[in-house]
Amino acid sequence: MARNQEKWSAEVTEKSDALDLEQGVFEKDDPREIAASLKRSAERSGRRKAEPFRSAMSMLTFYINRAGTNLSSHRKELLEEAKNELRRAYGKPVKE
């Protein structure tokens, strides 16, 4: 069962119906680069169902949630900061 879930979440991340993600976006070490990549992907997508900000944030949150305990605390902090960078990029209030 866990094996199928791993494949399922990897497939969603790689082949999302909403976004065509840049290769290695979640492995980047700069939260701004992650946010910029997600923003580009969301704004280019013609298949997304929500506005670009929501689509990009949803994909980032999905990745964090699916990675769960496999994420180091440093990596999770970096991805959480990417959420704030995404909010800044779209002029949304930043959560501290």
PDB file of N, CA and C in Angstrom:
ATOM      1  N   MET A   1       0.825  -1.199   0.000  1.00  0.00           N
ATOM      2  CA  MET A   1       0.000   0.000   0.000  1.00  0.00           C
ATOM      3  C   MET A   1       0.864   1.256   0.000  1.00  0.00           C
ATOM      4  N   ALA A   2       1.840   1.324   0.892  1.00  0.00           N
ATOM      5  CA  ALA A   2       2.713   2.498   0.956  1.00  0.00           C
ATOM      6  C   ALA A   2       3.439   2.680  -0.367  1.00  0.00           C
ATOM      7  N   ARG A   3       3.813   1.614  -1.014  1.00  0.00           N
ATOM      8  CA  ARG A   3       4.524   1.684  -2.300  1.00  0.00           C
ATOM      9  C   ARG A   3       3.656   2.379  -3.351  1.00  0.00           C
ATOM     10  N   ASN A   4       2.379   2.042  -3.398  1.00  0.00           N
ATOM     11  CA  ASN A   4       1.477   2.674  -4.349  1.00  0.00           C
ATOM     12  C   ASN A   4       1.307   4.149  -4.053  1.00  0.00           C
ATOM     13  N   GLN A   5       1.243   4.516  -2.789  1.00  0.00           N
ATOM     14  CA  GLN A   5       1.106   5.913  -2.421  1.00  0.00           C
ATOM     15  C   GLN A   5       2.335   6.707  -2.840  1.00  0.00           C
ATOM     16  N   GLU A   6       3.523   6.129  -2.659  1.00  0.00           N
ATOM     17  CA  GLU A   6       4.746   6.809  -3.077  1.00  0.00           C
ATOM     18  C   GLU A   6       4.710   7.080  -4.572  1.00  0.00           C
ATOM     19  N   LYS A   7       4.336   6.095  -5.338  1.00  0.00           N
ATOM     20  CA  LYS A   7       4.265   6.260  -6.784  1.00  0.00           C
ATOM     21  C   LYS A   7       3.202   7.284  -7.149  1.00  0.00           C
ATOM     22  N   TRP A   8       2.085   7.235  -6.488  1.00  0.00           N
ATOM     23  CA  TRP A   8       0.997   8.152  -6.771  1.00  0.00           C
ATOM     24  C   TRP A   8       1.416   9.596  -6.528  1.00  0.00           C
ATOM     25  N   SER A   9       2.018   9.883  -5.380  1.00  0.00           N
ATOM     26  CA  SER A   9       2.378  11.264  -5.077  1.00  0.00           C
ATOM     27  C   SER A   9       3.517  11.756  -5.966  1.00  0.00           C
ATOM     28  N   ALA A  10       4.454  10.891  -6.287  1.00  0.00           N
ATOM     29  CA  ALA A  10       5.532  11.281  -7.200  1.00  0.00           C
ATOM     30  C   ALA A  10       4.958  11.606  -8.574  1.00  0.00           C
ATOM     31  N   GLU A  11       3.997  10.798  -9.011  1.00  0.00           N
ATOM     32  CA  GLU A  11       3.388  11.040 -10.307  1.00  0.00           C
ATOM     33  C   GLU A  11       2.619  12.364 -10.318  1.00  0.00           C
ATOM     34  N   VAL A  12       1.911  12.668  -9.254  1.00  0.00           N
ATOM     35  CA  VAL A  12       1.181  13.932  -9.183  1.00  0.00           C
ATOM     36  C   VAL A  12       2.159  15.103  -9.246  1.00  0.00           C
ATOM     37  N   THR A  13       3.244  15.009  -8.498  1.00  0.00           N
ATOM     38  CA  THR A  13       4.224  16.089  -8.492  1.00  0.00           C
ATOM     39  C   THR A  13       4.841  16.267  -9.873  1.00  0.00           C
ATOM     40  N   GLU A  14       5.136  15.175 -10.552  1.00  0.00           N
ATOM     41  CA  GLU A  14       5.792  15.250 -11.851  1.00  0.00           C
ATOM     42  C   GLU A  14       4.840  15.548 -13.000  1.00  0.00           C
ATOM     43  N   LYS A  15       3.608  15.054 -12.895  1.00  0.00           N
ATOM     44  CA  LYS A  15       2.691  15.137 -14.032  1.00  0.00           C
ATOM     45  C   LYS A  15       1.369  15.778 -13.637  1.00  0.00           C
ATOM     46  N   SER A  16       1.440  16.814 -12.837  1.00  0.00           N
ATOM     47  CA  SER A  16       0.230  17.483 -12.382  1.00  0.00           C
ATOM     48  C   SER A  16      -0.617  17.946 -13.557  1.00  0.00           C
ATOM     49  N   ASP A  17      -1.913  17.778 -13.425  1.00  0.00           N
ATOM     50  CA  ASP A  17      -2.821  18.293 -14.438  1.00  0.00           C
ATOM     51  C   ASP A  17      -2.880  19.807 -14.410  1.00  0.00           C
ATOM     52  N   ALA A  18      -2.536  20.390 -13.281  1.00  0.00           N
ATOM     53  CA  ALA A  18      -2.638  21.834 -13.130  1.00  0.00           C
ATOM     54  C   ALA A  18      -1.368  22.558 -13.551  1.00  0.00           C
ATOM     55  N   LEU A  19      -0.212  21.975 -13.286  1.00  0.00           N
ATOM     56  CA  LEU A  19       1.049  22.669 -13.540  1.00  0.00           C
ATOM     57  C   LEU A  19       2.075  21.746 -14.173  1.00  0.00           C
ATOM     58  N   ASP A  20       2.845  22.294 -15.098  1.00  0.00           N
ATOM     59  CA  ASP A  20       4.033  21.620 -15.608  1.00  0.00           C
ATOM     60  C   ASP A  20       5.193  22.205 -14.835  1.00  0.00           C
ATOM     61  N   LEU A  21       5.700  21.440 -13.870  1.00  0.00           N
ATOM     62  CA  LEU A  21       6.765  21.932 -12.998  1.00  0.00           C
ATOM     63  C   LEU A  21       8.120  21.828 -13.663  1.00  0.00           C
ATOM     64  N   GLU A  22       8.983  22.795 -13.354  1.00  0.00           N
ATOM     65  CA  GLU A  22      10.353  22.734 -13.830  1.00  0.00           C
ATOM     66  C   GLU A  22      11.065  21.590 -13.116  1.00  0.00           C
ATOM     67  N   GLN A  23      11.952  20.925 -13.810  1.00  0.00           N
ATOM     68  CA  GLN A  23      12.719  19.809 -13.254  1.00  0.00           C
ATOM     69  C   GLN A  23      13.457  20.241 -11.990  1.00  0.00           C
ATOM     70  N   GLY A  24      13.313  19.495 -10.905  1.00  0.00           N
ATOM     71  CA  GLY A  24      14.063  19.741  -9.678  1.00  0.00           C
ATOM     72  C   GLY A  24      13.649  20.968  -8.887  1.00  0.00           C
ATOM     73  N   VAL A  25      12.468  21.477  -9.125  1.00  0.00           N
ATOM     74  CA  VAL A  25      12.043  22.710  -8.448  1.00  0.00           C
ATOM     75  C   VAL A  25      12.099  22.586  -6.929  1.00  0.00           C
ATOM     76  N   PHE A  26      11.723  21.448  -6.385  1.00  0.00           N
ATOM     77  CA  PHE A  26      11.676  21.298  -4.933  1.00  0.00           C
ATOM     78  C   PHE A  26      13.034  20.945  -4.327  1.00  0.00           C
ATOM     79  N   GLU A  27      14.022  20.743  -5.159  1.00  0.00           N
ATOM     80  CA  GLU A  27      15.374  20.469  -4.661  1.00  0.00           C
ATOM     81  C   GLU A  27      16.242  21.721  -4.617  1.00  0.00           C
ATOM     82  N   LYS A  28      15.740  22.822  -5.130  1.00  0.00           N
ATOM     83  CA  LYS A  28      16.507  24.078  -5.118  1.00  0.00           C
ATOM     84  C   LYS A  28      16.791  24.495  -3.678  1.00  0.00           C
ATOM     85  N   ASP A  29      17.891  25.222  -3.483  1.00  0.00           N
ATOM     86  CA  ASP A  29      18.293  25.644  -2.139  1.00  0.00           C
ATOM     87  C   ASP A  29      17.898  27.077  -1.794  1.00  0.00           C
ATOM     88  N   ASP A  30      17.279  27.780  -2.739  1.00  0.00           N
ATOM     89  CA  ASP A  30      16.888  29.169  -2.504  1.00  0.00           C
ATOM     90  C   ASP A  30      15.357  29.272  -2.550  1.00  0.00           C
ATOM     91  N   PRO A  31      14.736  29.666  -1.433  1.00  0.00           N
ATOM     92  CA  PRO A  31      13.271  29.771  -1.407  1.00  0.00           C
ATOM     93  C   PRO A  31      12.713  30.694  -2.492  1.00  0.00           C
ATOM     94  N   ARG A  32      13.464  31.754  -2.821  1.00  0.00           N
ATOM     95  CA  ARG A  32      13.010  32.667  -3.882  1.00  0.00           C
ATOM     96  C   ARG A  32      12.979  31.981  -5.233  1.00  0.00           C
ATOM     97  N   GLU A  33      13.983  31.145  -5.493  1.00  0.00           N
ATOM     98  CA  GLU A  33      14.027  30.414  -6.758  1.00  0.00           C
ATOM     99  C   GLU A  33      12.876  29.415  -6.853  1.00  0.00           C
ATOM    100  N   ILE A  34      12.573  28.751  -5.753  1.00  0.00           N
ATOM    101  CA  ILE A  34      11.455  27.807  -5.729  1.00  0.00           C
ATOM    102  C   ILE A  34      10.159  28.555  -6.026  1.00  0.00           C
ATOM    103  N   ALA A  35       9.949  29.668  -5.336  1.00  0.00           N
ATOM    104  CA  ALA A  35       8.730  30.451  -5.527  1.00  0.00           C
ATOM    105  C   ALA A  35       8.638  30.982  -6.959  1.00  0.00           C
ATOM    106  N   ALA A  36       9.741  31.473  -7.490  1.00  0.00           N
ATOM    107  CA  ALA A  36       9.737  32.015  -8.851  1.00  0.00           C
ATOM    108  C   ALA A  36       9.415  30.923  -9.874  1.00  0.00           C
ATOM    109  N   SER A  37       9.970  29.745  -9.661  1.00  0.00           N
ATOM    110  CA  SER A  37       9.706  28.631 -10.558  1.00  0.00           C
ATOM    111  C   SER A  37       8.235  28.226 -10.518  1.00  0.00           C
ATOM    112  N   LEU A  38       7.687  28.119  -9.309  1.00  0.00           N
ATOM    113  CA  LEU A  38       6.275  27.769  -9.176  1.00  0.00           C
ATOM    114  C   LEU A  38       5.377  28.836  -9.792  1.00  0.00           C
ATOM    115  N   LYS A  39       5.750  30.084  -9.607  1.00  0.00           N
ATOM    116  CA  LYS A  39       4.964  31.188 -10.184  1.00  0.00           C
ATOM    117  C   LYS A  39       4.979  31.103 -11.709  1.00  0.00           C
ATOM    118  N   ARG A  40       6.160  30.890 -12.292  1.00  0.00           N
ATOM    119  CA  ARG A  40       6.248  30.750 -13.749  1.00  0.00           C
ATOM    120  C   ARG A  40       5.383  29.600 -14.240  1.00  0.00           C
ATOM    121  N   SER A  41       5.476  28.469 -13.558  1.00  0.00           N
ATOM    122  CA  SER A  41       4.699  27.293 -13.957  1.00  0.00           C
ATOM    123  C   SER A  41       3.204  27.566 -13.879  1.00  0.00           C
ATOM    124  N   ALA A  42       2.781  28.205 -12.808  1.00  0.00           N
ATOM    125  CA  ALA A  42       1.348  28.479 -12.620  1.00  0.00           C
ATOM    126  C   ALA A  42       0.828  29.470 -13.656  1.00  0.00           C
ATOM    127  N   GLU A  43       1.628  30.463 -13.977  1.00  0.00           N
ATOM    128  CA  GLU A  43       1.163  31.483 -14.920  1.00  0.00           C
ATOM    129  C   GLU A  43       1.176  30.982 -16.362  1.00  0.00           C
ATOM    130  N   ARG A  44       2.008  30.009 -16.658  1.00  0.00           N
ATOM    131  CA  ARG A  44       2.071  29.442 -18.020  1.00  0.00           C
ATOM    132  C   ARG A  44       1.005  28.389 -18.262  1.00  0.00           C
ATOM    133  N   SER A  45       0.502  27.795 -17.203  1.00  0.00           N
ATOM    134  CA  SER A  45      -0.408  26.674 -17.345  1.00  0.00           C
ATOM    135  C   SER A  45      -1.774  27.102 -17.872  1.00  0.00           C
ATOM    136  N   GLY A  46      -2.234  26.392 -18.852  1.00  0.00           N
ATOM    137  CA  GLY A  46      -3.579  26.617 -19.361  1.00  0.00           C
ATOM    138  C   GLY A  46      -4.569  25.598 -18.817  1.00  0.00           C
ATOM    139  N   ARG A  47      -4.066  24.667 -17.992  1.00  0.00           N
ATOM    140  CA  ARG A  47      -4.918  23.588 -17.485  1.00  0.00           C
ATOM    141  C   ARG A  47      -5.345  23.775 -16.046  1.00  0.00           C
ATOM    142  N   ARG A  48      -4.770  24.762 -15.363  1.00  0.00           N
ATOM    143  CA  ARG A  48      -5.083  24.909 -13.941  1.00  0.00           C
ATOM    144  C   ARG A  48      -6.540  25.313 -13.767  1.00  0.00           C
ATOM    145  N   LYS A  49      -7.094  24.940 -12.625  1.00  0.00           N
ATOM    146  CA  LYS A  49      -8.508  25.217 -12.354  1.00  0.00           C
ATOM    147  C   LYS A  49      -8.690  26.447 -11.471  1.00  0.00           C
ATOM    148  N   ALA A  50      -7.648  26.835 -10.739  1.00  0.00           N
ATOM    149  CA  ALA A  50      -7.717  27.999  -9.853  1.00  0.00           C
ATOM    150  C   ALA A  50      -6.783  29.085 -10.390  1.00  0.00           C
ATOM    151  N   GLU A  51      -6.800  30.246  -9.732  1.00  0.00           N
ATOM    152  CA  GLU A  51      -5.883  31.312 -10.152  1.00  0.00           C
ATOM    153  C   GLU A  51      -4.435  30.868  -9.885  1.00  0.00           C
ATOM    154  N   PRO A  52      -3.466  31.497 -10.539  1.00  0.00           N
ATOM    155  CA  PRO A  52      -2.071  31.052 -10.442  1.00  0.00           C
ATOM    156  C   PRO A  52      -1.538  30.937  -9.012  1.00  0.00           C
ATOM    157  N   PHE A  53      -1.833  31.912  -8.155  1.00  0.00           N
ATOM    158  CA  PHE A  53      -1.321  31.857  -6.789  1.00  0.00           C
ATOM    159  C   PHE A  53      -1.785  30.597  -6.078  1.00  0.00           C
ATOM    160  N   ARG A  54      -3.071  30.316  -6.152  1.00  0.00           N
ATOM    161  CA  ARG A  54      -3.619  29.129  -5.469  1.00  0.00           C
ATOM    162  C   ARG A  54      -3.049  27.838  -6.023  1.00  0.00           C
ATOM    163  N   SER A  55      -2.876  27.769  -7.329  1.00  0.00           N
ATOM    164  CA  SER A  55      -2.312  26.563  -7.935  1.00  0.00           C
ATOM    165  C   SER A  55      -0.874  26.340  -7.479  1.00  0.00           C
ATOM    166  N   ALA A  56      -0.077  27.400  -7.494  1.00  0.00           N
ATOM    167  CA  ALA A  56       1.327  27.289  -7.081  1.00  0.00           C
ATOM    168  C   ALA A  56       1.436  26.927  -5.605  1.00  0.00           C
ATOM    169  N   MET A  57       0.647  27.580  -4.766  1.00  0.00           N
ATOM    170  CA  MET A  57       0.688  27.314  -3.330  1.00  0.00           C
ATOM    171  C   MET A  57       0.192  25.899  -3.039  1.00  0.00           C
ATOM    172  N   SER A  58      -0.809  25.469  -3.751  1.00  0.00           N
ATOM    173  CA  SER A  58      -1.336  24.110  -3.554  1.00  0.00           C
ATOM    174  C   SER A  58      -0.287  23.064  -3.883  1.00  0.00           C
ATOM    175  N   MET A  59       0.453  23.264  -4.958  1.00  0.00           N
ATOM    176  CA  MET A  59       1.475  22.293  -5.335  1.00  0.00           C
ATOM    177  C   MET A  59       2.594  22.260  -4.301  1.00  0.00           C
ATOM    178  N   LEU A  60       2.995  23.413  -3.796  1.00  0.00           N
ATOM    179  CA  LEU A  60       4.040  23.476  -2.771  1.00  0.00           C
ATOM    180  C   LEU A  60       3.575  22.798  -1.481  1.00  0.00           C
ATOM    181  N   THR A  61       2.372  23.089  -1.062  1.00  0.00           N
ATOM    182  CA  THR A  61       1.809  22.483   0.144  1.00  0.00           C
ATOM    183  C   THR A  61       1.661  20.977  -0.035  1.00  0.00           C
ATOM    184  N   PHE A  62       1.202  20.556  -1.199  1.00  0.00           N
ATOM    185  CA  PHE A  62       1.070  19.131  -1.494  1.00  0.00           C
ATOM    186  C   PHE A  62       2.416  18.440  -1.343  1.00  0.00           C
ATOM    187  N   TYR A  63       3.463  19.041  -1.903  1.00  0.00           N
ATOM    188  CA  TYR A  63       4.792  18.427  -1.827  1.00  0.00           C
ATOM    189  C   TYR A  63       5.252  18.303  -0.378  1.00  0.00           C
ATOM    190  N   ILE A  64       5.076  19.359   0.400  1.00  0.00           N
ATOM    191  CA  ILE A  64       5.484  19.336   1.815  1.00  0.00           C
ATOM    192  C   ILE A  64       4.712  18.261   2.575  1.00  0.00           C
ATOM    193  N   ASN A  65       3.422  18.211   2.371  1.00  0.00           N
ATOM    194  CA  ASN A  65       2.590  17.235   3.083  1.00  0.00           C
ATOM    195  C   ASN A  65       2.912  15.796   2.690  1.00  0.00           C
ATOM    196  N   ARG A  66       3.136  15.549   1.414  1.00  0.00           N
ATOM    197  CA  ARG A  66       3.402  14.189   0.959  1.00  0.00           C
ATOM    198  C   ARG A  66       4.788  13.717   1.375  1.00  0.00           C
ATOM    199  N   ALA A  67       5.753  14.639   1.465  1.00  0.00           N
ATOM    200  CA  ALA A  67       7.105  14.268   1.879  1.00  0.00           C
ATOM    201  C   ALA A  67       7.131  13.924   3.365  1.00  0.00           C
ATOM    202  N   GLY A  68       6.301  14.602   4.137  1.00  0.00           N
ATOM    203  CA  GLY A  68       6.128  14.297   5.558  1.00  0.00           C
ATOM    204  C   GLY A  68       7.429  14.175   6.324  1.00  0.00           C
ATOM    205  N   THR A  69       7.594  13.054   7.006  1.00  0.00           N
ATOM    206  CA  THR A  69       8.762  12.860   7.865  1.00  0.00           C
ATOM    207  C   THR A  69      10.038  12.614   7.076  1.00  0.00           C
ATOM    208  N   ASN A  70       9.928  12.455   5.763  1.00  0.00           N
ATOM    209  CA  ASN A  70      11.127  12.288   4.943  1.00  0.00           C
ATOM    210  C   ASN A  70      11.874  13.595   4.725  1.00  0.00           C
ATOM    211  N   LEU A  71      11.235  14.719   5.048  1.00  0.00           N
ATOM    212  CA  LEU A  71      11.893  16.025   4.920  1.00  0.00           C
ATOM    213  C   LEU A  71      12.700  16.313   6.179  1.00  0.00           C
ATOM    214  N   SER A  72      13.929  16.773   5.994  1.00  0.00           N
ATOM    215  CA  SER A  72      14.710  17.214   7.157  1.00  0.00           C
ATOM    216  C   SER A  72      14.090  18.513   7.662  1.00  0.00           C
ATOM    217  N   SER A  73      14.365  18.859   8.893  1.00  0.00           N
ATOM    218  CA  SER A  73      13.817  20.096   9.440  1.00  0.00           C
ATOM    219  C   SER A  73      14.329  21.304   8.648  1.00  0.00           C
ATOM    220  N   HIS A  74      15.591  21.258   8.207  1.00  0.00           N
ATOM    221  CA  HIS A  74      16.144  22.358   7.408  1.00  0.00           C
ATOM    222  C   HIS A  74      15.396  22.486   6.086  1.00  0.00           C
ATOM    223  N   ARG A  75      15.146  21.358   5.430  1.00  0.00           N
ATOM    224  CA  ARG A  75      14.463  21.374   4.134  1.00  0.00           C
ATOM    225  C   ARG A  75      13.029  21.864   4.288  1.00  0.00           C
ATOM    226  N   LYS A  76      12.361  21.430   5.360  1.00  0.00           N
ATOM    227  CA  LYS A  76      10.983  21.879   5.586  1.00  0.00           C
ATOM    228  C   LYS A  76      10.940  23.386   5.828  1.00  0.00           C
ATOM    229  N   GLU A  77      11.895  23.903   6.608  1.00  0.00           N
ATOM    230  CA  GLU A  77      11.958  25.353   6.839  1.00  0.00           C
ATOM    231  C   GLU A  77      12.169  26.099   5.530  1.00  0.00           C
ATOM    232  N   LEU A  78      13.036  25.578   4.689  1.00  0.00           N
ATOM    233  CA  LEU A  78      13.314  26.210   3.406  1.00  0.00           C
ATOM    234  C   LEU A  78      12.049  26.239   2.541  1.00  0.00           C
ATOM    235  N   LEU A  79      11.313  25.133   2.510  1.00  0.00           N
ATOM    236  CA  LEU A  79      10.083  25.081   1.721  1.00  0.00           C
ATOM    237  C   LEU A  79       8.986  25.964   2.322  1.00  0.00           C
ATOM    238  N   GLU A  80       8.940  26.050   3.645  1.00  0.00           N
ATOM    239  CA  GLU A  80       7.970  26.954   4.283  1.00  0.00           C
ATOM    240  C   GLU A  80       8.309  28.403   3.949  1.00  0.00           C
ATOM    241  N   GLU A  81       9.592  28.723   3.888  1.00  0.00           N
ATOM    242  CA  GLU A  81       9.997  30.079   3.494  1.00  0.00           C
ATOM    243  C   GLU A  81       9.645  30.324   2.030  1.00  0.00           C
ATOM    244  N   ALA A  82       9.696  29.290   1.226  1.00  0.00           N
ATOM    245  CA  ALA A  82       9.288  29.426  -0.175  1.00  0.00           C
ATOM    246  C   ALA A  82       7.817  29.827  -0.266  1.00  0.00           C
ATOM    247  N   LYS A  83       7.006  29.357   0.670  1.00  0.00           N
ATOM    248  CA  LYS A  83       5.601  29.786   0.708  1.00  0.00           C
ATOM    249  C   LYS A  83       5.514  31.296   0.916  1.00  0.00           C
ATOM    250  N   ASN A  84       6.316  31.822   1.856  1.00  0.00           N
ATOM    251  CA  ASN A  84       6.315  33.267   2.083  1.00  0.00           C
ATOM    252  C   ASN A  84       6.810  34.022   0.858  1.00  0.00           C
ATOM    253  N   GLU A  85       7.818  33.478   0.183  1.00  0.00           N
ATOM    254  CA  GLU A  85       8.318  34.120  -1.037  1.00  0.00           C
ATOM    255  C   GLU A  85       7.250  34.109  -2.120  1.00  0.00           C
ATOM    256  N   LEU A  86       6.485  33.043  -2.187  1.00  0.00           N
ATOM    257  CA  LEU A  86       5.388  32.972  -3.154  1.00  0.00           C
ATOM    258  C   LEU A  86       4.326  34.018  -2.822  1.00  0.00           C
ATOM    259  N   ARG A  87       4.022  34.163  -1.536  1.00  0.00           N
ATOM    260  CA  ARG A  87       3.062  35.201  -1.120  1.00  0.00           C
ATOM    261  C   ARG A  87       3.575  36.583  -1.514  1.00  0.00           C
ATOM    262  N   ARG A  88       4.859  36.844  -1.277  1.00  0.00           N
ATOM    263  CA  ARG A  88       5.444  38.140  -1.658  1.00  0.00           C
ATOM    264  C   ARG A  88       5.350  38.364  -3.166  1.00  0.00           C
ATOM    265  N   ALA A  89       5.635  37.327  -3.923  1.00  0.00           N
ATOM    266  CA  ALA A  89       5.621  37.430  -5.374  1.00  0.00           C
ATOM    267  C   ALA A  89       4.237  37.806  -5.912  1.00  0.00           C
ATOM    268  N   TYR A  90       3.209  37.412  -5.183  1.00  0.00           N
ATOM    269  CA  TYR A  90       1.839  37.718  -5.599  1.00  0.00           C
ATOM    270  C   TYR A  90       1.213  38.865  -4.802  1.00  0.00           C
ATOM    271  N   GLY A  91       2.017  39.534  -3.964  1.00  0.00           N
ATOM    272  CA  GLY A  91       1.489  40.661  -3.203  1.00  0.00           C
ATOM    273  C   GLY A  91       0.509  40.270  -2.123  1.00  0.00           C
ATOM    274  N   LYS A  92       0.651  39.070  -1.609  1.00  0.00           N
ATOM    275  CA  LYS A  92      -0.237  38.582  -0.534  1.00  0.00           C
ATOM    276  C   LYS A  92       0.435  38.812   0.818  1.00  0.00           C
ATOM    277  N   PRO A  93      -0.329  38.864   1.907  1.00  0.00           N
ATOM    278  CA  PRO A  93       0.260  39.024   3.242  1.00  0.00           C
ATOM    279  C   PRO A  93       1.141  37.817   3.597  1.00  0.00           C
ATOM    280  N   VAL A  94       2.287  38.100   4.167  1.00  0.00           N
ATOM    281  CA  VAL A  94       3.248  37.069   4.538  1.00  0.00           C
ATOM    282  C   VAL A  94       2.950  36.600   5.957  1.00  0.00           C
ATOM    283  N   LYS A  95       2.974  35.276   6.142  1.00  0.00           N
ATOM    284  CA  LYS A  95       2.746  34.703   7.474  1.00  0.00           C
ATOM    285  C   LYS A  95       4.085  34.481   8.141  1.00  0.00           C
ATOM    286  N   GLU A  96       4.196  34.874   9.362  1.00  0.00           N
ATOM    287  CA  GLU A  96       5.469  34.713  10.093  1.00  0.00           C
ATOM    288  C   GLU A  96       5.399  33.573  11.060  1.00  0.00           C
TER     289      GLU A  96
END
